[in-house]
Every structure is written in structure tokens, then in C-alpha cells.
């Protein structure tokens, strides 16, 4: 499983960034998103 970072959300489109060392998930693969409670400004 690859771990990435949500970069932006525009409507139904979610941009996710993955490290170069990780294999990209296959197209139409569900994402499991975990909320980070840390707040950064």
C-alpha cells in the first residue's frame, strides 16, 4: 500500500502526492484517508 499526502481538493477531484520511491496505486483504487488533527497555518 502506498502512502501519500492530499495536496488539494477541487469539487470531486482530489490531488494526492506520493513519494517517488512508492509505487503509484492502480487507477480506480479506493483511497483511505486518515485525518491529521494537527493544525498548521
C-alpha atoms as a PDB file:
ATOM      1  CA  UNK A   1       0.000   0.000   0.000  1.00  0.00           C
ATOM      2  CA  UNK A   2       1.284   3.466  -0.882  1.00  0.00           C
ATOM      3  CA  UNK A   3       1.045   6.422   1.489  1.00  0.00           C
ATOM      4  CA  UNK A   4       0.571   9.908   0.123  1.00  0.00           C
ATOM      5  CA  UNK A   5      -0.496  13.403   1.049  1.00  0.00           C
ATOM      6  CA  UNK A   6      -3.668  15.171  -0.102  1.00  0.00           C
ATOM      7  CA  UNK A   7      -2.457  18.328  -1.840  1.00  0.00           C
ATOM      8  CA  UNK A   8      -5.774  19.885  -2.861  1.00  0.00           C
ATOM      9  CA  UNK A   9      -9.455  19.155  -3.307  1.00  0.00           C
ATOM     10  CA  UNK A  10     -11.470  20.869  -6.044  1.00  0.00           C
ATOM     11  CA  UNK A  11     -15.034  19.590  -6.174  1.00  0.00           C
ATOM     12  CA  UNK A  12     -14.958  15.838  -6.774  1.00  0.00           C
ATOM     13  CA  UNK A  13     -11.252  15.876  -7.728  1.00  0.00           C
ATOM     14  CA  UNK A  14      -8.630  15.000  -5.106  1.00  0.00           C
ATOM     15  CA  UNK A  15      -4.951  15.612  -5.887  1.00  0.00           C
ATOM     16  CA  UNK A  16      -2.686  13.251  -3.950  1.00  0.00           C
ATOM     17  CA  UNK A  17       1.111  13.418  -3.893  1.00  0.00           C
ATOM     18  CA  UNK A  18       3.137  10.221  -3.422  1.00  0.00           C
ATOM     19  CA  UNK A  19       6.868   9.853  -2.700  1.00  0.00           C
ATOM     20  CA  UNK A  20       8.953   8.921  -5.754  1.00  0.00           C
ATOM     21  CA  UNK A  21      10.071   5.729  -4.008  1.00  0.00           C
ATOM     22  CA  UNK A  22       6.462   4.426  -3.705  1.00  0.00           C
ATOM     23  CA  UNK A  23       4.586   2.604  -6.453  1.00  0.00           C
ATOM     24  CA  UNK A  24       1.508   4.541  -7.565  1.00  0.00           C
ATOM     25  CA  UNK A  25      -1.828   2.880  -6.794  1.00  0.00           C
ATOM     26  CA  UNK A  26      -3.783   1.481  -9.725  1.00  0.00           C
ATOM     27  CA  UNK A  27      -6.456   3.612 -11.408  1.00  0.00           C
ATOM     28  CA  UNK A  28      -9.910   3.270  -9.770  1.00  0.00           C
ATOM     29  CA  UNK A  29      -8.376   2.167  -6.468  1.00  0.00           C
ATOM     30  CA  UNK A  30     -10.213   3.458  -3.377  1.00  0.00           C
ATOM     31  CA  UNK A  31      -8.339   5.866  -1.133  1.00  0.00           C
ATOM     32  CA  UNK A  32      -8.375   5.514   2.629  1.00  0.00           C
ATOM     33  CA  UNK A  33      -7.906   8.985   4.106  1.00  0.00           C
ATOM     34  CA  UNK A  34      -6.882   9.479   7.717  1.00  0.00           C
ATOM     35  CA  UNK A  35      -7.385  12.881   9.311  1.00  0.00           C
ATOM     36  CA  UNK A  36      -4.417  14.519  10.990  1.00  0.00           C
ATOM     37  CA  UNK A  37      -5.680  16.618  13.889  1.00  0.00           C
ATOM     38  CA  UNK A  38      -2.620  18.863  13.835  1.00  0.00           C
ATOM     39  CA  UNK A  39      -3.373  22.400  12.677  1.00  0.00           C
ATOM     40  CA  UNK A  40      -0.723  24.300  10.773  1.00  0.00           C
ATOM     41  CA  UNK A  41      -1.004  27.845   9.469  1.00  0.00           C
END
